[in-house]
Amino acid sequence: MSQKYFDPEGLARVGHMELVARQVVEGFLTGRHRSPYHGFSVEYLDHRPYTPGDDPRAIDWKILARTDKYHVKLFEDETNLRAHILVDCSKSMAFKSGELSKLGYASYLAAALSYLMLHQNDAVGLVLFDSEVRQYLPPKARKTQFRRILDLLDHSYSNEDTDVGAVLHDVAERIPRRGLVIILSDLIDDEAKIANGLQHFRHNNHEVLVIHTLDDAELTFPYDRLTRFKDMEGVGRVTANPKSLRNRYLTRINQFVDTIKAACFERNVSYNLANTKEPYDHFLAAYLEKRSRLG
């Protein structure tokens, strides 16, 4: 198994936490998320061994009497989650001012989220994209899925421009059942097209989580000497005094972030800004803790 994005210390920080769907999802195994399929009565479908934390009311006492082992009933009204994690691998994601590029940061987050959900018996899939979908791994809840996700993340790279809006529409058409969609991207693209892509997911009743991944230098513009700037997704280059650009740049980047945030808010999409300066596990732990409080 690839070890590049396997971080035991980071996973230990979030491994005990939960990522529970906030809206009804359609799954195929029993789990902890609400299902739209209730019928006229709630019947149990199967059993599994009891684990600490399970509701004692779900214990099957007949099996206990026969086998002297605790099992819990698996009910039809709870289901596991199908999650798709979308990771932007376009050229702009290669930028870094610190130890990790935006792509590296997003990959660690994708690995940690996959680990977390797979341990919840949820099904997780991975999409790598730039101007189009480059890799599509359908969601599965198998133990081997984590290895496959790590392997794809290990071989991701940034060498093409991006077309986030087109990719969101493409992926929305590929997902047959409503579930959770997690987007890890700097979203440096046409804001209106991105908003339309997000709307496509919401129209299909998916819950959407956007983790807007930006480098600290992109957010703070710390340059103070004559600097040569290069377009990460183009051929443009300019040498300039950063002092003459700082105010205009900061105004523009703040407007860009606010526009993306507003597009998410208007569509009931969860928006979270991730600064690569903050350790990814700290960011994720804080987000999951906040999400659990909000319910």
C-alpha atoms as a PDB file:
ATOM      1  CA  MET A   1       0.000   0.000   0.000  1.00  0.00           C
ATOM      2  CA  SER A   2       1.247   3.481  -0.833  1.00  0.00           C
ATOM      3  CA  GLN A   3       2.376   5.332   2.275  1.00  0.00           C
ATOM      4  CA  LYS A   4       2.552   8.874   0.877  1.00  0.00           C
ATOM      5  CA  TYR A   5      -0.783  10.084   2.240  1.00  0.00           C
ATOM      6  CA  PHE A   6      -1.104   7.512   5.002  1.00  0.00           C
ATOM      7  CA  ASP A   7      -0.510   9.608   8.123  1.00  0.00           C
ATOM      8  CA  PRO A   8      -1.068   7.602  11.338  1.00  0.00           C
ATOM      9  CA  GLU A   9      -0.710  10.645  13.601  1.00  0.00           C
ATOM     10  CA  GLY A  10      -3.185  12.704  11.632  1.00  0.00           C
ATOM     11  CA  LEU A  11      -5.621   9.807  11.364  1.00  0.00           C
ATOM     12  CA  ALA A  12      -5.377   9.236  15.101  1.00  0.00           C
ATOM     13  CA  ARG A  13      -6.616  12.796  15.642  1.00  0.00           C
ATOM     14  CA  VAL A  14      -9.791  12.305  13.579  1.00  0.00           C
ATOM     15  CA  GLY A  15     -10.228   8.514  13.554  1.00  0.00           C
ATOM     16  CA  HIS A  16     -12.616   8.522  16.529  1.00  0.00           C
ATOM     17  CA  MET A  17     -14.814  11.269  15.064  1.00  0.00           C
ATOM     18  CA  GLU A  18     -17.863  10.869  12.830  1.00  0.00           C
ATOM     19  CA  LEU A  19     -19.048  12.366   9.575  1.00  0.00           C
ATOM     20  CA  VAL A  20     -22.814  11.868   9.563  1.00  0.00           C
ATOM     21  CA  ALA A  21     -25.034  12.899   6.673  1.00  0.00           C
ATOM     22  CA  ARG A  22     -27.295  15.834   7.501  1.00  0.00           C
ATOM     23  CA  GLN A  23     -29.934  14.944   4.969  1.00  0.00           C
ATOM     24  CA  VAL A  24     -31.588  11.755   3.769  1.00  0.00           C
ATOM     25  CA  VAL A  25     -29.295   9.570   1.690  1.00  0.00           C
ATOM     26  CA  GLU A  26     -29.744   6.390  -0.325  1.00  0.00           C
ATOM     27  CA  GLY A  27     -27.451   3.561   0.700  1.00  0.00           C
ATOM     28  CA  PHE A  28     -27.252  -0.193   0.437  1.00  0.00           C
ATOM     29  CA  LEU A  29     -26.059  -1.391   3.848  1.00  0.00           C
ATOM     30  CA  THR A  30     -27.269  -0.584   7.308  1.00  0.00           C
ATOM     31  CA  GLY A  31     -25.441   2.153   9.108  1.00  0.00           C
ATOM     32  CA  ARG A  32     -25.967   5.433  10.904  1.00  0.00           C
ATOM     33  CA  HIS A  33     -27.614   7.641   8.268  1.00  0.00           C
ATOM     34  CA  ARG A  34     -31.315   8.214   7.671  1.00  0.00           C
ATOM     35  CA  SER A  35     -32.745   6.398   4.661  1.00  0.00           C
ATOM     36  CA  PRO A  36     -35.696   7.548   2.527  1.00  0.00           C
ATOM     37  CA  TYR A  37     -37.054   4.007   2.494  1.00  0.00           C
ATOM     38  CA  HIS A  38     -39.224   3.378   5.544  1.00  0.00           C
ATOM     39  CA  GLY A  39     -42.286   1.540   4.206  1.00  0.00           C
ATOM     40  CA  PHE A  40     -45.204   0.794   6.488  1.00  0.00           C
ATOM     41  CA  SER A  41     -43.085  -0.875   9.126  1.00  0.00           C
ATOM     42  CA  VAL A  42     -39.454  -0.955  10.130  1.00  0.00           C
ATOM     43  CA  GLU A  43     -38.037  -4.442   9.741  1.00  0.00           C
ATOM     44  CA  TYR A  44     -34.609  -5.713  10.503  1.00  0.00           C
ATOM     45  CA  LEU A  45     -32.647  -7.220   7.643  1.00  0.00           C
ATOM     46  CA  ASP A  46     -29.622  -8.868   9.205  1.00  0.00           C
ATOM     47  CA  HIS A  47     -27.364  -9.045  12.254  1.00  0.00           C
ATOM     48  CA  ARG A  48     -23.830  -8.106  13.149  1.00  0.00           C
ATOM     49  CA  PRO A  49     -21.704  -8.555  16.283  1.00  0.00           C
ATOM     50  CA  TYR A  50     -22.343  -6.034  19.060  1.00  0.00           C
ATOM     51  CA  THR A  51     -19.696  -3.337  19.485  1.00  0.00           C
ATOM     52  CA  PRO A  52     -19.364  -0.826  22.343  1.00  0.00           C
ATOM     53  CA  GLY A  53     -21.592   2.162  21.700  1.00  0.00           C
ATOM     54  CA  ASP A  54     -24.383   0.231  19.981  1.00  0.00           C
ATOM     55  CA  ASP A  55     -27.910   0.804  21.257  1.00  0.00           C
ATOM     56  CA  PRO A  56     -28.678  -2.041  23.705  1.00  0.00           C
ATOM     57  CA  ARG A  57     -32.277  -1.970  22.474  1.00  0.00           C
ATOM     58  CA  ALA A  58     -31.039  -3.412  19.172  1.00  0.00           C
ATOM     59  CA  ILE A  59     -29.595  -6.539  20.795  1.00  0.00           C
ATOM     60  CA  ASP A  60     -31.172  -9.746  19.498  1.00  0.00           C
ATOM     61  CA  TRP A  61     -31.871 -11.673  22.686  1.00  0.00           C
ATOM     62  CA  LYS A  62     -32.821 -14.854  20.834  1.00  0.00           C
ATOM     63  CA  ILE A  63     -29.377 -15.089  19.264  1.00  0.00           C
ATOM     64  CA  LEU A  64     -27.805 -14.341  22.641  1.00  0.00           C
ATOM     65  CA  ALA A  65     -29.765 -17.215  24.194  1.00  0.00           C
ATOM     66  CA  ARG A  66     -28.700 -19.602  21.415  1.00  0.00           C
ATOM     67  CA  THR A  67     -25.043 -18.630  21.036  1.00  0.00           C
ATOM     68  CA  ASP A  68     -24.153 -16.763  24.219  1.00  0.00           C
ATOM     69  CA  LYS A  69     -22.846 -13.971  21.933  1.00  0.00           C
ATOM     70  CA  TYR A  70     -24.203 -10.458  21.550  1.00  0.00           C
ATOM     71  CA  HIS A  71     -25.516  -9.424  18.124  1.00  0.00           C
ATOM     72  CA  VAL A  72     -27.518  -6.368  17.100  1.00  0.00           C
ATOM     73  CA  LYS A  73     -30.305  -6.166  14.562  1.00  0.00           C
ATOM     74  CA  LEU A  74     -29.666  -4.199  11.390  1.00  0.00           C
ATOM     75  CA  PHE A  75     -32.740  -2.135  10.628  1.00  0.00           C
ATOM     76  CA  GLU A  76     -34.082  -1.019   7.295  1.00  0.00           C
ATOM     77  CA  ASP A  77     -34.532   2.617   8.329  1.00  0.00           C
ATOM     78  CA  GLU A  78     -30.830   3.304   8.660  1.00  0.00           C
ATOM     79  CA  THR A  79     -28.371   3.141   5.829  1.00  0.00           C
ATOM     80  CA  ASN A  80     -24.746   3.734   5.115  1.00  0.00           C
ATOM     81  CA  LEU A  81     -23.580   6.659   3.049  1.00  0.00           C
ATOM     82  CA  ARG A  82     -22.311   6.770  -0.514  1.00  0.00           C
ATOM     83  CA  ALA A  83     -19.710   9.515  -0.691  1.00  0.00           C
ATOM     84  CA  HIS A  84     -17.792  10.875  -3.664  1.00  0.00           C
ATOM     85  CA  ILE A  85     -14.611  12.827  -2.924  1.00  0.00           C
ATOM     86  CA  LEU A  86     -13.574  15.103  -5.804  1.00  0.00           C
ATOM     87  CA  VAL A  87      -9.919  16.215  -5.817  1.00  0.00           C
ATOM     88  CA  ASP A  88      -8.776  18.978  -8.168  1.00  0.00           C
ATOM     89  CA  CYS A  89      -5.470  17.974  -9.808  1.00  0.00           C
ATOM     90  CA  SER A  90      -5.133  20.965 -12.135  1.00  0.00           C
ATOM     91  CA  LYS A  91      -1.890  22.923 -12.503  1.00  0.00           C
ATOM     92  CA  SER A  92      -2.906  25.681 -10.087  1.00  0.00           C
ATOM     93  CA  MET A  93      -3.150  23.091  -7.309  1.00  0.00           C
ATOM     94  CA  ALA A  94       0.624  22.555  -7.549  1.00  0.00           C
ATOM     95  CA  PHE A  95       1.300  25.963  -6.002  1.00  0.00           C
ATOM     96  CA  LYS A  96       2.890  26.044  -2.571  1.00  0.00           C
ATOM     97  CA  SER A  97       4.566  28.616  -0.364  1.00  0.00           C
ATOM     98  CA  GLY A  98       5.170  26.161   2.480  1.00  0.00           C
ATOM     99  CA  GLU A  99       5.830  22.458   2.795  1.00  0.00           C
ATOM    100  CA  LEU A 100       2.639  21.239   1.112  1.00  0.00           C
ATOM    101  CA  SER A 101       1.128  22.174  -2.215  1.00  0.00           C
ATOM    102  CA  LYS A 102      -2.612  22.667  -2.397  1.00  0.00           C
ATOM    103  CA  LEU A 103      -2.848  19.284  -4.113  1.00  0.00           C
ATOM    104  CA  GLY A 104      -0.834  17.616  -1.346  1.00  0.00           C
ATOM    105  CA  TYR A 105      -3.034  19.226   1.304  1.00  0.00           C
ATOM    106  CA  ALA A 106      -6.220  18.175  -0.502  1.00  0.00           C
ATOM    107  CA  SER A 107      -4.861  14.642  -0.888  1.00  0.00           C
ATOM    108  CA  TYR A 108      -4.198  14.313   2.847  1.00  0.00           C
ATOM    109  CA  LEU A 109      -7.732  15.539   3.517  1.00  0.00           C
ATOM    110  CA  ALA A 110      -9.157  13.078   0.975  1.00  0.00           C
ATOM    111  CA  ALA A 111      -7.228  10.201   2.566  1.00  0.00           C
ATOM    112  CA  ALA A 112      -8.351  11.132   6.082  1.00  0.00           C
ATOM    113  CA  LEU A 113     -12.001  11.547   5.063  1.00  0.00           C
ATOM    114  CA  SER A 114     -11.901   8.208   3.255  1.00  0.00           C
ATOM    115  CA  TYR A 115     -10.407   6.490   6.298  1.00  0.00           C
ATOM    116  CA  LEU A 116     -13.037   8.030   8.553  1.00  0.00           C
ATOM    117  CA  MET A 117     -16.023   7.061   6.421  1.00  0.00           C
ATOM    118  CA  LEU A 118     -14.805   3.579   5.584  1.00  0.00           C
ATOM    119  CA  HIS A 119     -14.478   2.914   9.318  1.00  0.00           C
ATOM    120  CA  GLN A 120     -18.148   3.926   9.574  1.00  0.00           C
ATOM    121  CA  ASN A 121     -18.955   1.223   6.984  1.00  0.00           C
ATOM    122  CA  ASP A 122     -19.759   3.958   4.486  1.00  0.00           C
ATOM    123  CA  ALA A 123     -18.992   3.605   0.785  1.00  0.00           C
ATOM    124  CA  VAL A 124     -16.395   6.049  -0.523  1.00  0.00           C
ATOM    125  CA  GLY A 125     -15.345   6.833  -4.077  1.00  0.00           C
ATOM    126  CA  LEU A 126     -12.686   9.145  -5.498  1.00  0.00           C
ATOM    127  CA  VAL A 127     -12.666  11.466  -8.504  1.00  0.00           C
ATOM    128  CA  LEU A 128      -9.462  13.103  -9.748  1.00  0.00           C
ATOM    129  CA  PHE A 129     -10.004  15.924 -12.233  1.00  0.00           C
ATOM    130  CA  ASP A 130      -8.571  18.954 -13.985  1.00  0.00           C
ATOM    131  CA  SER A 131     -10.261  20.066 -17.231  1.00  0.00           C
ATOM    132  CA  GLU A 132     -12.058  16.702 -17.197  1.00  0.00           C
ATOM    133  CA  VAL A 133     -12.407  13.620 -15.033  1.00  0.00           C
ATOM    134  CA  ARG A 134      -9.074  11.760 -15.081  1.00  0.00           C
ATOM    135  CA  GLN A 135      -9.829   8.987 -12.588  1.00  0.00           C
ATOM    136  CA  TYR A 136     -13.197   7.777 -11.339  1.00  0.00           C
ATOM    137  CA  LEU A 137     -13.260   5.185  -8.563  1.00  0.00           C
ATOM    138  CA  PRO A 138     -16.876   4.227  -7.741  1.00  0.00           C
ATOM    139  CA  PRO A 139     -17.854   4.172  -4.051  1.00  0.00           C
ATOM    140  CA  LYS A 140     -17.348   0.923  -2.198  1.00  0.00           C
ATOM    141  CA  ALA A 141     -17.371   0.035   1.487  1.00  0.00           C
ATOM    142  CA  ARG A 142     -14.736  -2.690   1.252  1.00  0.00           C
ATOM    143  CA  LYS A 143     -11.578  -2.619   3.358  1.00  0.00           C
ATOM    144  CA  THR A 144      -9.473  -2.723   0.178  1.00  0.00           C
ATOM    145  CA  GLN A 145     -10.995   0.584  -0.991  1.00  0.00           C
ATOM    146  CA  PHE A 146      -8.685   2.633   1.227  1.00  0.00           C
ATOM    147  CA  ARG A 147      -5.630   1.106  -0.438  1.00  0.00           C
ATOM    148  CA  ARG A 148      -7.041   1.890  -3.885  1.00  0.00           C
ATOM    149  CA  ILE A 149      -7.765   5.486  -2.880  1.00  0.00           C
ATOM    150  CA  LEU A 150      -4.254   5.972  -1.492  1.00  0.00           C
ATOM    151  CA  ASP A 151      -2.772   4.517  -4.662  1.00  0.00           C
ATOM    152  CA  LEU A 152      -4.721   6.922  -6.892  1.00  0.00           C
ATOM    153  CA  LEU A 153      -3.840   9.896  -4.701  1.00  0.00           C
ATOM    154  CA  ASP A 154      -0.177   8.878  -4.807  1.00  0.00           C
ATOM    155  CA  HIS A 155      -0.215   9.008  -8.595  1.00  0.00           C
ATOM    156  CA  SER A 156      -2.151  12.264  -8.934  1.00  0.00           C
ATOM    157  CA  TYR A 157      -0.320  15.183 -10.512  1.00  0.00           C
ATOM    158  CA  SER A 158      -0.961  18.684 -11.805  1.00  0.00           C
ATOM    159  CA  ASN A 159      -0.257  19.271 -15.476  1.00  0.00           C
ATOM    160  CA  GLU A 160      -3.486  20.560 -17.049  1.00  0.00           C
ATOM    161  CA  ASP A 161      -5.721  23.591 -16.724  1.00  0.00           C
ATOM    162  CA  THR A 162      -9.029  23.258 -14.904  1.00  0.00           C
ATOM    163  CA  ASP A 163     -12.686  23.367 -15.829  1.00  0.00           C
ATOM    164  CA  VAL A 164     -14.424  22.897 -12.491  1.00  0.00           C
ATOM    165  CA  GLY A 165     -17.918  23.710 -13.717  1.00  0.00           C
ATOM    166  CA  ALA A 166     -17.853  21.154 -16.553  1.00  0.00           C
ATOM    167  CA  VAL A 167     -16.448  18.462 -14.251  1.00  0.00           C
ATOM    168  CA  LEU A 168     -19.152  19.039 -11.627  1.00  0.00           C
ATOM    169  CA  HIS A 169     -21.847  18.537 -14.276  1.00  0.00           C
ATOM    170  CA  ASP A 170     -20.084  15.411 -15.553  1.00  0.00           C
ATOM    171  CA  VAL A 171     -19.799  13.829 -12.097  1.00  0.00           C
ATOM    172  CA  ALA A 172     -23.393  14.775 -11.190  1.00  0.00           C
ATOM    173  CA  GLU A 173     -24.572  12.795 -14.216  1.00  0.00           C
ATOM    174  CA  ARG A 174     -22.554   9.743 -13.112  1.00  0.00           C
ATOM    175  CA  ILE A 175     -24.024   9.446  -9.602  1.00  0.00           C
ATOM    176  CA  PRO A 176     -27.300   7.497  -9.672  1.00  0.00           C
ATOM    177  CA  ARG A 177     -28.261   7.824  -5.994  1.00  0.00           C
ATOM    178  CA  ARG A 178     -28.280  10.767  -3.676  1.00  0.00           C
ATOM    179  CA  GLY A 179     -25.439  10.885  -1.193  1.00  0.00           C
ATOM    180  CA  LEU A 180     -22.579  13.090  -0.082  1.00  0.00           C
ATOM    181  CA  VAL A 181     -20.272  14.950  -2.486  1.00  0.00           C
ATOM    182  CA  ILE A 182     -17.052  16.457  -1.098  1.00  0.00           C
ATOM    183  CA  ILE A 183     -15.162  18.893  -3.356  1.00  0.00           C
ATOM    184  CA  LEU A 184     -11.492  19.669  -2.617  1.00  0.00           C
ATOM    185  CA  SER A 185     -10.320  22.442  -4.938  1.00  0.00           C
ATOM    186  CA  ASP A 186      -8.939  25.966  -5.100  1.00  0.00           C
ATOM    187  CA  LEU A 187     -11.941  26.696  -7.393  1.00  0.00           C
ATOM    188  CA  ILE A 188      -9.847  29.064  -9.491  1.00  0.00           C
ATOM    189  CA  ASP A 189     -12.223  29.124 -12.421  1.00  0.00           C
ATOM    190  CA  ASP A 190     -15.368  30.870 -13.619  1.00  0.00           C
ATOM    191  CA  GLU A 191     -17.474  31.411 -10.489  1.00  0.00           C
ATOM    192  CA  ALA A 192     -20.786  31.323 -12.370  1.00  0.00           C
ATOM    193  CA  LYS A 193     -19.984  27.942 -13.951  1.00  0.00           C
ATOM    194  CA  ILE A 194     -18.966  26.569 -10.562  1.00  0.00           C
ATOM    195  CA  ALA A 195     -22.247  27.792  -9.075  1.00  0.00           C
ATOM    196  CA  ASN A 196     -24.179  26.036 -11.860  1.00  0.00           C
ATOM    197  CA  GLY A 197     -22.272  22.822 -11.221  1.00  0.00           C
ATOM    198  CA  LEU A 198     -23.058  22.968  -7.510  1.00  0.00           C
ATOM    199  CA  GLN A 199     -26.706  23.551  -8.373  1.00  0.00           C
ATOM    200  CA  HIS A 200     -26.689  20.376 -10.480  1.00  0.00           C
ATOM    201  CA  PHE A 201     -25.693  18.324  -7.408  1.00  0.00           C
ATOM    202  CA  ARG A 202     -28.319  20.017  -5.260  1.00  0.00           C
ATOM    203  CA  HIS A 203     -30.983  19.500  -7.930  1.00  0.00           C
ATOM    204  CA  ASN A 204     -30.178  15.771  -7.681  1.00  0.00           C
ATOM    205  CA  ASN A 205     -30.624  15.994  -3.889  1.00  0.00           C
ATOM    206  CA  HIS A 206     -26.985  15.372  -2.972  1.00  0.00           C
ATOM    207  CA  GLU A 207     -25.524  16.864   0.175  1.00  0.00           C
ATOM    208  CA  VAL A 208     -22.485  18.903  -0.909  1.00  0.00           C
ATOM    209  CA  LEU A 209     -19.432  19.879   1.115  1.00  0.00           C
ATOM    210  CA  VAL A 210     -16.945  22.319  -0.435  1.00  0.00           C
ATOM    211  CA  ILE A 211     -13.465  22.552   1.081  1.00  0.00           C
ATOM    212  CA  HIS A 212     -12.002  25.602  -0.626  1.00  0.00           C
ATOM    213  CA  THR A 213      -8.277  24.840  -0.530  1.00  0.00           C
ATOM    214  CA  LEU A 214      -6.022  27.888  -0.847  1.00  0.00           C
ATOM    215  CA  ASP A 215      -2.383  28.570  -0.038  1.00  0.00           C
ATOM    216  CA  ASP A 216      -1.572  31.058   2.706  1.00  0.00           C
ATOM    217  CA  ALA A 217       0.369  33.203   0.233  1.00  0.00           C
ATOM    218  CA  GLU A 218      -2.682  33.405  -2.019  1.00  0.00           C
ATOM    219  CA  LEU A 219      -4.729  34.701   0.897  1.00  0.00           C
ATOM    220  CA  THR A 220      -2.192  37.111   2.415  1.00  0.00           C
ATOM    221  CA  PHE A 221       0.102  38.151  -0.497  1.00  0.00           C
ATOM    222  CA  PRO A 222       3.236  38.375   1.693  1.00  0.00           C
ATOM    223  CA  TYR A 223       5.643  39.508  -1.049  1.00  0.00           C
ATOM    224  CA  ASP A 224       7.593  42.721  -0.491  1.00  0.00           C
ATOM    225  CA  ARG A 225      10.399  42.639  -3.064  1.00  0.00           C
ATOM    226  CA  LEU A 226      10.434  42.895  -6.844  1.00  0.00           C
ATOM    227  CA  THR A 227       8.905  39.563  -7.853  1.00  0.00           C
ATOM    228  CA  ARG A 228       8.234  37.667 -11.056  1.00  0.00           C
ATOM    229  CA  PHE A 229       4.712  36.241 -11.012  1.00  0.00           C
ATOM    230  CA  LYS A 230       3.647  33.362 -13.275  1.00  0.00           C
ATOM    231  CA  ASP A 231       0.134  32.316 -14.208  1.00  0.00           C
ATOM    232  CA  MET A 232      -0.269  28.760 -12.879  1.00  0.00           C
ATOM    233  CA  GLU A 233      -2.712  27.880 -15.665  1.00  0.00           C
ATOM    234  CA  GLY A 234      -1.458  29.893 -18.591  1.00  0.00           C
ATOM    235  CA  VAL A 235       1.637  31.427 -20.153  1.00  0.00           C
ATOM    236  CA  GLY A 236       1.346  34.871 -18.575  1.00  0.00           C
ATOM    237  CA  ARG A 237       4.316  36.227 -16.610  1.00  0.00           C
ATOM    238  CA  VAL A 238       4.854  39.649 -15.098  1.00  0.00           C
ATOM    239  CA  THR A 239       7.600  41.216 -12.998  1.00  0.00           C
ATOM    240  CA  ALA A 240       6.234  43.803 -10.593  1.00  0.00           C
ATOM    241  CA  ASN A 241       6.637  45.562  -7.286  1.00  0.00           C
ATOM    242  CA  PRO A 242       4.223  43.722  -4.972  1.00  0.00           C
ATOM    243  CA  LYS A 243       3.535  46.876  -2.953  1.00  0.00           C
ATOM    244  CA  SER A 244       1.788  48.399  -5.956  1.00  0.00           C
ATOM    245  CA  LEU A 245      -0.369  45.289  -6.389  1.00  0.00           C
ATOM    246  CA  ARG A 246      -1.138  44.255  -2.813  1.00  0.00           C
ATOM    247  CA  ASN A 247      -4.318  46.242  -2.174  1.00  0.00           C
ATOM    248  CA  ARG A 248      -5.860  45.405  -5.537  1.00  0.00           C
ATOM    249  CA  TYR A 249      -4.910  41.761  -5.229  1.00  0.00           C
ATOM    250  CA  LEU A 250      -6.270  41.360  -1.695  1.00  0.00           C
ATOM    251  CA  THR A 251      -9.508  43.059  -2.740  1.00  0.00           C
ATOM    252  CA  ARG A 252      -9.855  40.677  -5.676  1.00  0.00           C
ATOM    253  CA  ILE A 253      -9.057  37.486  -3.738  1.00  0.00           C
ATOM    254  CA  ASN A 254     -11.479  38.468  -0.969  1.00  0.00           C
ATOM    255  CA  GLN A 255     -14.178  39.162  -3.560  1.00  0.00           C
ATOM    256  CA  PHE A 256     -13.480  35.782  -5.143  1.00  0.00           C
ATOM    257  CA  VAL A 257     -13.771  33.928  -1.824  1.00  0.00           C
ATOM    258  CA  ASP A 258     -16.943  35.847  -0.925  1.00  0.00           C
ATOM    259  CA  THR A 259     -18.507  35.035  -4.304  1.00  0.00           C
ATOM    260  CA  ILE A 260     -17.831  31.304  -3.912  1.00  0.00           C
ATOM    261  CA  LYS A 261     -19.067  31.391  -0.325  1.00  0.00           C
ATOM    262  CA  ALA A 262     -22.282  33.173  -1.358  1.00  0.00           C
ATOM    263  CA  ALA A 263     -22.884  30.691  -4.192  1.00  0.00           C
ATOM    264  CA  CYS A 264     -22.609  27.851  -1.670  1.00  0.00           C
ATOM    265  CA  PHE A 265     -24.845  29.567   0.869  1.00  0.00           C
ATOM    266  CA  GLU A 266     -27.566  30.242  -1.707  1.00  0.00           C
ATOM    267  CA  ARG A 267     -27.620  26.535  -2.631  1.00  0.00           C
ATOM    268  CA  ASN A 268     -27.432  25.154   0.894  1.00  0.00           C
ATOM    269  CA  VAL A 269     -23.911  23.850   0.262  1.00  0.00           C
ATOM    270  CA  SER A 270     -21.513  23.599   3.197  1.00  0.00           C
ATOM    271  CA  TYR A 271     -18.562  25.946   2.544  1.00  0.00           C
ATOM    272  CA  ASN A 272     -15.239  25.735   4.392  1.00  0.00           C
ATOM    273  CA  LEU A 273     -12.063  27.652   3.611  1.00  0.00           C
ATOM    274  CA  ALA A 274      -8.894  25.616   4.195  1.00  0.00           C
ATOM    275  CA  ASN A 275      -5.622  27.528   4.465  1.00  0.00           C
ATOM    276  CA  THR A 276      -2.708  25.194   3.752  1.00  0.00           C
ATOM    277  CA  LYS A 277      -0.778  26.903   6.549  1.00  0.00           C
ATOM    278  CA  GLU A 278      -2.997  25.091   9.090  1.00  0.00           C
ATOM    279  CA  PRO A 279      -2.192  21.388   9.593  1.00  0.00           C
ATOM    280  CA  TYR A 280      -4.789  19.409   7.689  1.00  0.00           C
ATOM    281  CA  ASP A 281      -5.719  17.229  10.671  1.00  0.00           C
ATOM    282  CA  HIS A 282      -6.310  20.308  12.849  1.00  0.00           C
ATOM    283  CA  PHE A 283      -8.560  21.776  10.166  1.00  0.00           C
ATOM    284  CA  LEU A 284     -10.493  18.531   9.755  1.00  0.00           C
ATOM    285  CA  ALA A 285     -10.891  17.907  13.491  1.00  0.00           C
ATOM    286  CA  ALA A 286     -12.205  21.450  13.999  1.00  0.00           C
ATOM    287  CA  TYR A 287     -14.641  21.060  11.107  1.00  0.00           C
ATOM    288  CA  LEU A 288     -15.978  17.709  12.312  1.00  0.00           C
ATOM    289  CA  GLU A 289     -16.367  19.019  15.843  1.00  0.00           C
ATOM    290  CA  LYS A 290     -18.298  22.056  14.569  1.00  0.00           C
ATOM    291  CA  ARG A 291     -20.442  19.860  12.327  1.00  0.00           C
ATOM    292  CA  SER A 292     -21.351  17.575  15.231  1.00  0.00           C
ATOM    293  CA  ARG A 293     -22.431  20.586  17.307  1.00  0.00           C
ATOM    294  CA  LEU A 294     -24.641  21.963  14.544  1.00  0.00           C
ATOM    295  CA  GLY A 295     -26.254  18.550  14.003  1.00  0.00           C
END
